C-alpha atoms as a PDB file:
ATOM      1  CA  UNK A   1       0.000   0.000   0.000  1.00  0.00           C
ATOM      2  CA  UNK A   2       1.294   3.400  -0.940  1.00  0.00           C
ATOM      3  CA  UNK A   3       2.101   5.546   2.099  1.00  0.00           C
ATOM      4  CA  UNK A   4       1.046   9.167   2.258  1.00  0.00           C
ATOM      5  CA  UNK A   5       3.132  11.750   4.085  1.00  0.00           C
ATOM      6  CA  UNK A   6       1.644  15.057   5.199  1.00  0.00           C
ATOM      7  CA  UNK A   7       3.239  18.080   6.903  1.00  0.00           C
ATOM      8  CA  UNK A   8       0.919  20.891   7.983  1.00  0.00           C
ATOM      9  CA  UNK A   9       2.631  23.917   9.529  1.00  0.00           C
ATOM     10  CA  UNK A  10       0.235  25.729  11.857  1.00  0.00           C
ATOM     11  CA  UNK A  11       1.261  29.120  13.318  1.00  0.00           C
ATOM     12  CA  UNK A  12       2.197  29.042  17.015  1.00  0.00           C
ATOM     13  CA  UNK A  13       1.028  25.488  17.651  1.00  0.00           C
ATOM     14  CA  UNK A  14       3.563  23.932  15.291  1.00  0.00           C
ATOM     15  CA  UNK A  15       2.857  20.773  13.293  1.00  0.00           C
ATOM     16  CA  UNK A  16      -0.632  19.338  13.386  1.00  0.00           C
ATOM     17  CA  UNK A  17      -1.265  15.833  12.067  1.00  0.00           C
ATOM     18  CA  UNK A  18      -4.771  14.416  11.791  1.00  0.00           C
ATOM     19  CA  UNK A  19      -6.783  11.950   9.768  1.00  0.00           C
ATOM     20  CA  UNK A  20      -8.398  13.834   6.917  1.00  0.00           C
ATOM     21  CA  UNK A  21     -10.492  12.626   4.023  1.00  0.00           C
ATOM     22  CA  UNK A  22     -11.290  14.841   1.082  1.00  0.00           C
ATOM     23  CA  UNK A  23     -14.564  14.324  -0.688  1.00  0.00           C
ATOM     24  CA  UNK A  24     -18.028  15.770  -1.252  1.00  0.00           C
ATOM     25  CA  UNK A  25     -21.218  15.834   0.787  1.00  0.00           C
ATOM     26  CA  UNK A  26     -24.461  16.180  -1.185  1.00  0.00           C
ATOM     27  CA  UNK A  27     -27.568  17.324   0.678  1.00  0.00           C
ATOM     28  CA  UNK A  28     -31.146  17.273  -0.617  1.00  0.00           C
ATOM     29  CA  UNK A  29     -34.315  18.188   1.292  1.00  0.00           C
ATOM     30  CA  UNK A  30     -37.901  19.168   0.536  1.00  0.00           C
ATOM     31  CA  UNK A  31     -39.195  22.064   2.651  1.00  0.00           C
ATOM     32  CA  UNK A  32     -42.693  22.805   3.927  1.00  0.00           C
ATOM     33  CA  UNK A  33     -44.477  25.493   5.942  1.00  0.00           C
ATOM     34  CA  UNK A  34     -44.348  26.099   9.680  1.00  0.00           C
ATOM     35  CA  UNK A  35     -47.782  27.718   9.497  1.00  0.00           C
ATOM     36  CA  UNK A  36     -46.402  31.221   9.780  1.00  0.00           C
ATOM     37  CA  UNK A  37     -48.055  34.508   8.853  1.00  0.00           C
ATOM     38  CA  UNK A  38     -46.183  35.033   5.573  1.00  0.00           C
ATOM     39  CA  UNK A  39     -46.315  31.455   4.231  1.00  0.00           C
ATOM     40  CA  UNK A  40     -45.653  30.149   1.634  1.00  0.00           C
ATOM     41  CA  UNK A  41     -42.778  32.655   1.583  1.00  0.00           C
ATOM     42  CA  UNK A  42     -39.946  31.324   3.725  1.00  0.00           C
ATOM     43  CA  UNK A  43     -36.321  31.763   4.708  1.00  0.00           C
ATOM     44  CA  UNK A  44     -34.032  28.781   5.199  1.00  0.00           C
ATOM     45  CA  UNK A  45     -30.425  27.988   6.116  1.00  0.00           C
ATOM     46  CA  UNK A  46     -28.438  24.749   5.949  1.00  0.00           C
ATOM     47  CA  UNK A  47     -25.051  24.480   7.634  1.00  0.00           C
ATOM     48  CA  UNK A  48     -22.479  22.056   9.092  1.00  0.00           C
ATOM     49  CA  UNK A  49     -21.605  21.679  12.769  1.00  0.00           C
ATOM     50  CA  UNK A  50     -18.999  19.427  14.347  1.00  0.00           C
ATOM     51  CA  UNK A  51     -19.608  16.826  17.064  1.00  0.00           C
ATOM     52  CA  UNK A  52     -19.299  19.496  19.777  1.00  0.00           C
ATOM     53  CA  UNK A  53     -21.904  21.721  18.142  1.00  0.00           C
ATOM     54  CA  UNK A  54     -19.416  24.225  16.759  1.00  0.00           C
ATOM     55  CA  UNK A  55     -20.231  25.994  13.485  1.00  0.00           C
ATOM     56  CA  UNK A  56     -18.131  24.739  10.550  1.00  0.00           C
ATOM     57  CA  UNK A  57     -19.614  26.163   7.353  1.00  0.00           C
ATOM     58  CA  UNK A  58     -22.848  27.418   5.817  1.00  0.00           C
ATOM     59  CA  UNK A  59     -23.974  25.484   2.744  1.00  0.00           C
ATOM     60  CA  UNK A  60     -27.157  27.367   1.829  1.00  0.00           C
ATOM     61  CA  UNK A  61     -28.902  30.528   3.025  1.00  0.00           C
ATOM     62  CA  UNK A  62     -31.989  31.974   1.386  1.00  0.00           C
ATOM     63  CA  UNK A  63     -32.645  35.000   3.577  1.00  0.00           C
ATOM     64  CA  UNK A  64     -32.119  38.748   3.446  1.00  0.00           C
ATOM     65  CA  UNK A  65     -34.716  41.100   5.017  1.00  0.00           C
ATOM     66  CA  UNK A  66     -35.834  38.619   7.690  1.00  0.00           C
ATOM     67  CA  UNK A  67     -32.469  36.934   8.221  1.00  0.00           C
ATOM     68  CA  UNK A  68     -32.528  37.767  11.952  1.00  0.00           C
ATOM     69  CA  UNK A  69     -35.350  35.228  12.463  1.00  0.00           C
ATOM     70  CA  UNK A  70     -33.052  32.307  11.643  1.00  0.00           C
ATOM     71  CA  UNK A  71     -32.090  32.380  15.302  1.00  0.00           C
ATOM     72  CA  UNK A  72     -30.293  29.031  15.610  1.00  0.00           C
ATOM     73  CA  UNK A  73     -28.079  29.684  12.576  1.00  0.00           C
ATOM     74  CA  UNK A  74     -27.436  33.226  13.823  1.00  0.00           C
ATOM     75  CA  UNK A  75     -26.336  31.903  17.220  1.00  0.00           C
ATOM     76  CA  UNK A  76     -24.070  29.247  15.666  1.00  0.00           C
ATOM     77  CA  UNK A  77     -22.253  31.678  13.357  1.00  0.00           C
ATOM     78  CA  UNK A  78     -22.074  34.407  15.999  1.00  0.00           C
ATOM     79  CA  UNK A  79     -20.340  31.981  18.385  1.00  0.00           C
ATOM     80  CA  UNK A  80     -17.489  31.840  15.854  1.00  0.00           C
ATOM     81  CA  UNK A  81     -17.342  35.639  15.669  1.00  0.00           C
ATOM     82  CA  UNK A  82     -18.697  35.687  12.128  1.00  0.00           C
ATOM     83  CA  UNK A  83     -22.464  36.233  12.253  1.00  0.00           C
ATOM     84  CA  UNK A  84     -24.375  35.033   9.177  1.00  0.00           C
ATOM     85  CA  UNK A  85     -21.152  33.722   7.620  1.00  0.00           C
ATOM     86  CA  UNK A  86     -21.948  32.513   4.087  1.00  0.00           C
ATOM     87  CA  UNK A  87     -18.483  31.793   2.682  1.00  0.00           C
ATOM     88  CA  UNK A  88     -18.878  29.637  -0.459  1.00  0.00           C
ATOM     89  CA  UNK A  89     -22.573  29.075   0.338  1.00  0.00           C
ATOM     90  CA  UNK A  90     -25.535  29.094  -2.043  1.00  0.00           C
ATOM     91  CA  UNK A  91     -27.314  32.355  -1.220  1.00  0.00           C
ATOM     92  CA  UNK A  92     -30.404  34.269  -2.226  1.00  0.00           C
ATOM     93  CA  UNK A  93     -33.422  36.230  -1.030  1.00  0.00           C
ATOM     94  CA  UNK A  94     -36.578  34.945   0.653  1.00  0.00           C
ATOM     95  CA  UNK A  95     -38.092  32.007  -1.253  1.00  0.00           C
ATOM     96  CA  UNK A  96     -41.610  32.592  -2.584  1.00  0.00           C
ATOM     97  CA  UNK A  97     -42.645  28.942  -2.203  1.00  0.00           C
ATOM     98  CA  UNK A  98     -41.449  25.561  -0.974  1.00  0.00           C
ATOM     99  CA  UNK A  99     -39.608  22.874  -2.918  1.00  0.00           C
ATOM    100  CA  UNK A 100     -36.492  20.737  -3.016  1.00  0.00           C
ATOM    101  CA  UNK A 101     -33.307  22.448  -1.868  1.00  0.00           C
ATOM    102  CA  UNK A 102     -29.887  21.019  -2.709  1.00  0.00           C
ATOM    103  CA  UNK A 103     -26.394  21.986  -1.626  1.00  0.00           C
ATOM    104  CA  UNK A 104     -22.975  20.403  -1.111  1.00  0.00           C
ATOM    105  CA  UNK A 105     -19.941  20.525   1.169  1.00  0.00           C
ATOM    106  CA  UNK A 106     -16.303  19.907   0.240  1.00  0.00           C
ATOM    107  CA  UNK A 107     -15.117  19.052   3.761  1.00  0.00           C
ATOM    108  CA  UNK A 108     -13.654  22.465   4.589  1.00  0.00           C
ATOM    109  CA  UNK A 109     -14.558  25.056   7.210  1.00  0.00           C
ATOM    110  CA  UNK A 110     -15.431  28.689   6.486  1.00  0.00           C
ATOM    111  CA  UNK A 111     -11.702  29.499   6.535  1.00  0.00           C
ATOM    112  CA  UNK A 112     -11.252  26.994   3.664  1.00  0.00           C
ATOM    113  CA  UNK A 113      -9.302  24.512   5.824  1.00  0.00           C
ATOM    114  CA  UNK A 114      -9.936  20.791   5.330  1.00  0.00           C
ATOM    115  CA  UNK A 115     -11.403  19.522   8.615  1.00  0.00           C
ATOM    116  CA  UNK A 116     -10.613  16.296  10.439  1.00  0.00           C
ATOM    117  CA  UNK A 117     -12.631  13.128   9.941  1.00  0.00           C
ATOM    118  CA  UNK A 118     -15.333  12.268  12.438  1.00  0.00           C
ATOM    119  CA  UNK A 119     -18.952  12.892  13.370  1.00  0.00           C
ATOM    120  CA  UNK A 120     -20.658  15.983  11.932  1.00  0.00           C
ATOM    121  CA  UNK A 121     -24.207  17.295  11.625  1.00  0.00           C
ATOM    122  CA  UNK A 122     -26.176  18.826   8.772  1.00  0.00           C
ATOM    123  CA  UNK A 123     -28.299  21.516  10.427  1.00  0.00           C
ATOM    124  CA  UNK A 124     -31.455  22.969   8.850  1.00  0.00           C
ATOM    125  CA  UNK A 125     -33.586  25.908   9.950  1.00  0.00           C
ATOM    126  CA  UNK A 126     -36.684  27.399   8.296  1.00  0.00           C
ATOM    127  CA  UNK A 127     -39.230  30.020   9.257  1.00  0.00           C
ATOM    128  CA  UNK A 128     -42.166  31.746   7.565  1.00  0.00           C
ATOM    129  CA  UNK A 129     -42.973  34.150  10.375  1.00  0.00           C
ATOM    130  CA  UNK A 130     -41.290  36.969  12.257  1.00  0.00           C
ATOM    131  CA  UNK A 131     -40.093  34.509  14.889  1.00  0.00           C
ATOM    132  CA  UNK A 132     -38.159  31.272  15.294  1.00  0.00           C
ATOM    133  CA  UNK A 133     -39.438  28.490  13.048  1.00  0.00           C
ATOM    134  CA  UNK A 134     -38.378  24.840  12.773  1.00  0.00           C
ATOM    135  CA  UNK A 135     -34.862  23.457  13.290  1.00  0.00           C
ATOM    136  CA  UNK A 136     -33.449  19.941  12.876  1.00  0.00           C
ATOM    137  CA  UNK A 137     -29.989  18.375  12.659  1.00  0.00           C
ATOM    138  CA  UNK A 138     -28.889  15.105  11.095  1.00  0.00           C
ATOM    139  CA  UNK A 139     -25.746  13.177  11.950  1.00  0.00           C
ATOM    140  CA  UNK A 140     -23.313  11.803   9.362  1.00  0.00           C
ATOM    141  CA  UNK A 141     -19.672  10.716   9.336  1.00  0.00           C
ATOM    142  CA  UNK A 142     -16.894  12.406   7.385  1.00  0.00           C
ATOM    143  CA  UNK A 143     -14.483   9.631   6.455  1.00  0.00           C
ATOM    144  CA  UNK A 144     -15.438   6.538   4.513  1.00  0.00           C
ATOM    145  CA  UNK A 145     -18.386   6.637   2.101  1.00  0.00           C
ATOM    146  CA  UNK A 146     -21.734   6.756   3.901  1.00  0.00           C
ATOM    147  CA  UNK A 147     -25.281   8.028   3.431  1.00  0.00           C
ATOM    148  CA  UNK A 148     -28.160   9.043   5.683  1.00  0.00           C
ATOM    149  CA  UNK A 149     -31.889   9.166   4.857  1.00  0.00           C
ATOM    150  CA  UNK A 150     -33.554  10.203   8.132  1.00  0.00           C
ATOM    151  CA  UNK A 151     -37.270  10.229   8.861  1.00  0.00           C
ATOM    152  CA  UNK A 152     -39.301  13.284   7.917  1.00  0.00           C
ATOM    153  CA  UNK A 153     -39.498  16.059  10.512  1.00  0.00           C
ATOM    154  CA  UNK A 154     -41.399  19.328  10.698  1.00  0.00           C
ATOM    155  CA  UNK A 155     -40.633  21.445   7.584  1.00  0.00           C
ATOM    156  CA  UNK A 156     -38.000  18.979   6.299  1.00  0.00           C
ATOM    157  CA  UNK A 157     -38.879  15.814   4.385  1.00  0.00           C
ATOM    158  CA  UNK A 158     -37.174  13.473   1.902  1.00  0.00           C
ATOM    159  CA  UNK A 159     -33.821  14.344   3.463  1.00  0.00           C
ATOM    160  CA  UNK A 160     -30.892  12.674   1.724  1.00  0.00           C
ATOM    161  CA  UNK A 161     -27.293  13.146   2.907  1.00  0.00           C
ATOM    162  CA  UNK A 162     -24.462  11.408   1.033  1.00  0.00           C
ATOM    163  CA  UNK A 163     -20.727  11.677   1.814  1.00  0.00           C
ATOM    164  CA  UNK A 164     -18.465  10.356  -0.955  1.00  0.00           C
ATOM    165  CA  UNK A 165     -14.759  10.172  -0.134  1.00  0.00           C
ATOM    166  CA  UNK A 166     -12.140  10.705  -2.804  1.00  0.00           C
ATOM    167  CA  UNK A 167      -8.776  10.617  -1.011  1.00  0.00           C
ATOM    168  CA  UNK A 168      -7.728   9.820   2.542  1.00  0.00           C
ATOM    169  CA  UNK A 169      -4.682  11.035   4.440  1.00  0.00           C
ATOM    170  CA  UNK A 170      -4.472   8.544   7.316  1.00  0.00           C
ATOM    171  CA  UNK A 171      -2.685   9.624  10.488  1.00  0.00           C
ATOM    172  CA  UNK A 172      -1.304   6.097  10.860  1.00  0.00           C
ATOM    173  CA  UNK A 173       0.558   6.626   7.604  1.00  0.00           C
ATOM    174  CA  UNK A 174       1.922  10.112   8.316  1.00  0.00           C
ATOM    175  CA  UNK A 175       5.545  10.828   9.095  1.00  0.00           C
ATOM    176  CA  UNK A 176       7.514  14.065   9.263  1.00  0.00           C
ATOM    177  CA  UNK A 177       9.686  15.252   6.404  1.00  0.00           C
ATOM    178  CA  UNK A 178      11.698  18.354   7.240  1.00  0.00           C
ATOM    179  CA  UNK A 179      13.940  18.445   4.157  1.00  0.00           C
ATOM    180  CA  UNK A 180      11.221  19.520   1.713  1.00  0.00           C
ATOM    181  CA  UNK A 181       9.999  23.119   1.751  1.00  0.00           C
ATOM    182  CA  UNK A 182       7.293  24.935  -0.198  1.00  0.00           C
ATOM    183  CA  UNK A 183       7.333  28.741  -0.120  1.00  0.00           C
ATOM    184  CA  UNK A 184       5.830  31.272   0.099  1.00  0.00           C
ATOM    185  CA  UNK A 185       2.878  29.622   1.844  1.00  0.00           C
ATOM    186  CA  UNK A 186       0.289  31.099   1.676  1.00  0.00           C
ATOM    187  CA  UNK A 187       1.022  32.244  -1.859  1.00  0.00           C
ATOM    188  CA  UNK A 188      -0.558  34.777  -4.185  1.00  0.00           C
ATOM    189  CA  UNK A 189       0.465  33.116  -7.450  1.00  0.00           C
ATOM    190  CA  UNK A 190       3.989  31.645  -7.598  1.00  0.00           C
ATOM    191  CA  UNK A 191       5.419  29.171  -5.112  1.00  0.00           C
ATOM    192  CA  UNK A 192       8.672  27.218  -5.071  1.00  0.00           C
ATOM    193  CA  UNK A 193       9.648  23.772  -3.856  1.00  0.00           C
ATOM    194  CA  UNK A 194      13.043  23.247  -2.246  1.00  0.00           C
ATOM    195  CA  UNK A 195      14.587  19.839  -1.653  1.00  0.00           C
ATOM    196  CA  UNK A 196      16.572  17.003  -3.217  1.00  0.00           C
ATOM    197  CA  UNK A 197      15.442  14.108  -5.420  1.00  0.00           C
ATOM    198  CA  UNK A 198      12.008  15.621  -6.075  1.00  0.00           C
ATOM    199  CA  UNK A 199      10.093  14.221  -9.063  1.00  0.00           C
ATOM    200  CA  UNK A 200       6.489  13.877 -10.242  1.00  0.00           C
ATOM    201  CA  UNK A 201       5.036  17.017  -8.662  1.00  0.00           C
ATOM    202  CA  UNK A 202       1.227  17.147  -8.541  1.00  0.00           C
ATOM    203  CA  UNK A 203      -1.266  19.725  -7.243  1.00  0.00           C
ATOM    204  CA  UNK A 204      -4.559  18.361  -5.889  1.00  0.00           C
ATOM    205  CA  UNK A 205      -7.701  20.255  -4.939  1.00  0.00           C
ATOM    206  CA  UNK A 206      -9.645  19.444  -1.760  1.00  0.00           C
ATOM    207  CA  UNK A 207     -11.787  16.992  -3.715  1.00  0.00           C
ATOM    208  CA  UNK A 208      -8.649  14.926  -4.349  1.00  0.00           C
ATOM    209  CA  UNK A 209      -8.467  15.646  -8.091  1.00  0.00           C
ATOM    210  CA  UNK A 210      -5.101  16.307  -9.762  1.00  0.00           C
ATOM    211  CA  UNK A 211      -5.288  19.760 -11.354  1.00  0.00           C
ATOM    212  CA  UNK A 212      -1.599  20.224 -12.226  1.00  0.00           C
ATOM    213  CA  UNK A 213       1.323  17.892 -12.878  1.00  0.00           C
ATOM    214  CA  UNK A 214       4.942  18.172 -13.959  1.00  0.00           C
ATOM    215  CA  UNK A 215       8.269  16.484 -13.392  1.00  0.00           C
ATOM    216  CA  UNK A 216      10.715  19.138 -14.518  1.00  0.00           C
ATOM    217  CA  UNK A 217      10.375  22.333 -12.474  1.00  0.00           C
ATOM    218  CA  UNK A 218      10.044  23.318  -8.822  1.00  0.00           C
ATOM    219  CA  UNK A 219       8.594  26.762  -9.660  1.00  0.00           C
ATOM    220  CA  UNK A 220       4.807  26.472  -9.817  1.00  0.00           C
ATOM    221  CA  UNK A 221       2.462  29.176 -11.139  1.00  0.00           C
ATOM    222  CA  UNK A 222      -0.983  29.087  -9.413  1.00  0.00           C
ATOM    223  CA  UNK A 223      -2.362  32.250 -11.054  1.00  0.00           C
ATOM    224  CA  UNK A 224      -4.949  30.264 -13.049  1.00  0.00           C
ATOM    225  CA  UNK A 225      -6.387  28.577  -9.945  1.00  0.00           C
ATOM    226  CA  UNK A 226      -8.954  29.856  -7.451  1.00  0.00           C
ATOM    227  CA  UNK A 227      -8.021  30.909  -3.924  1.00  0.00           C
ATOM    228  CA  UNK A 228      -8.297  28.110  -1.391  1.00  0.00           C
ATOM    229  CA  UNK A 229      -6.539  25.075   0.033  1.00  0.00           C
ATOM    230  CA  UNK A 230      -4.527  22.639  -2.087  1.00  0.00           C
ATOM    231  CA  UNK A 231      -2.275  19.633  -1.561  1.00  0.00           C
ATOM    232  CA  UNK A 232       1.161  19.381  -3.158  1.00  0.00           C
ATOM    233  CA  UNK A 233       2.072  15.734  -3.758  1.00  0.00           C
ATOM    234  CA  UNK A 234       5.677  14.923  -4.628  1.00  0.00           C
ATOM    235  CA  UNK A 235       7.696  11.811  -5.242  1.00  0.00           C
ATOM    236  CA  UNK A 236      10.946  12.063  -3.268  1.00  0.00           C
ATOM    237  CA  UNK A 237      13.104   9.008  -3.832  1.00  0.00           C
ATOM    238  CA  UNK A 238      10.844   6.062  -2.961  1.00  0.00           C
ATOM    239  CA  UNK A 239       8.520   8.173  -0.787  1.00  0.00           C
ATOM    240  CA  UNK A 240       5.390  10.199  -1.468  1.00  0.00           C
ATOM    241  CA  UNK A 241       5.381  13.562   0.327  1.00  0.00           C
ATOM    242  CA  UNK A 242       2.171  15.617   0.618  1.00  0.00           C
ATOM    243  CA  UNK A 243       2.139  19.181   1.856  1.00  0.00           C
ATOM    244  CA  UNK A 244      -0.655  21.678   2.370  1.00  0.00           C
ATOM    245  CA  UNK A 245      -0.626  24.872   0.272  1.00  0.00           C
ATOM    246  CA  UNK A 246      -2.909  27.878   0.642  1.00  0.00           C
ATOM    247  CA  UNK A 247      -3.533  30.304  -2.250  1.00  0.00           C
ATOM    248  CA  UNK A 248      -4.976  33.654  -1.252  1.00  0.00           C
END
């Protein structure tokens, strides 16, 4: 089995090694009224929380004028010091009717960092009145492929949650490699790789797809790629070294 090697330099705390699986979570749900005074118009938010109930990322938020009535979502985002955070989320105004809502998650938090494997929750909140409406949360596991189809609850039916893994970095297979450097990191456009016996350089996105590959240069131009988190995978002798890279 091929071994994967990951070094993640975190400011102040040093090196942090954890089991991480890249992949995609697809969420589908059909909404319905709470019996509020402005039904069928409604506002709705879908977001991710970790096992401890901490806000991770908003996936969908249809709300503008009455956004303050999504009280549970407001409280979750405010606890992170970023009220109504909608980084990378599907957004829009109040919905005029109910229907099927779909969204997805790439396994990162609102700071675009790939989060550790484990238990997470898809949280959903909807209201059609000038007050708190209905809220539910559904557990799933980030790691190996799994799916959840929970029973219908108030305002949320036909819920389907599917996590599909694409690449795993297992902490049992991680070792330190201090002789390989990538800089600057974070980078605006250009970054360099320093080290000996480096071949077969690849850049992967958080979904685990190879978006760049070469075997001849250690100067990499990222100007054609979006800002976010990437993995740099290199063959060094008979080892595979993977390092985190942030483009901003």
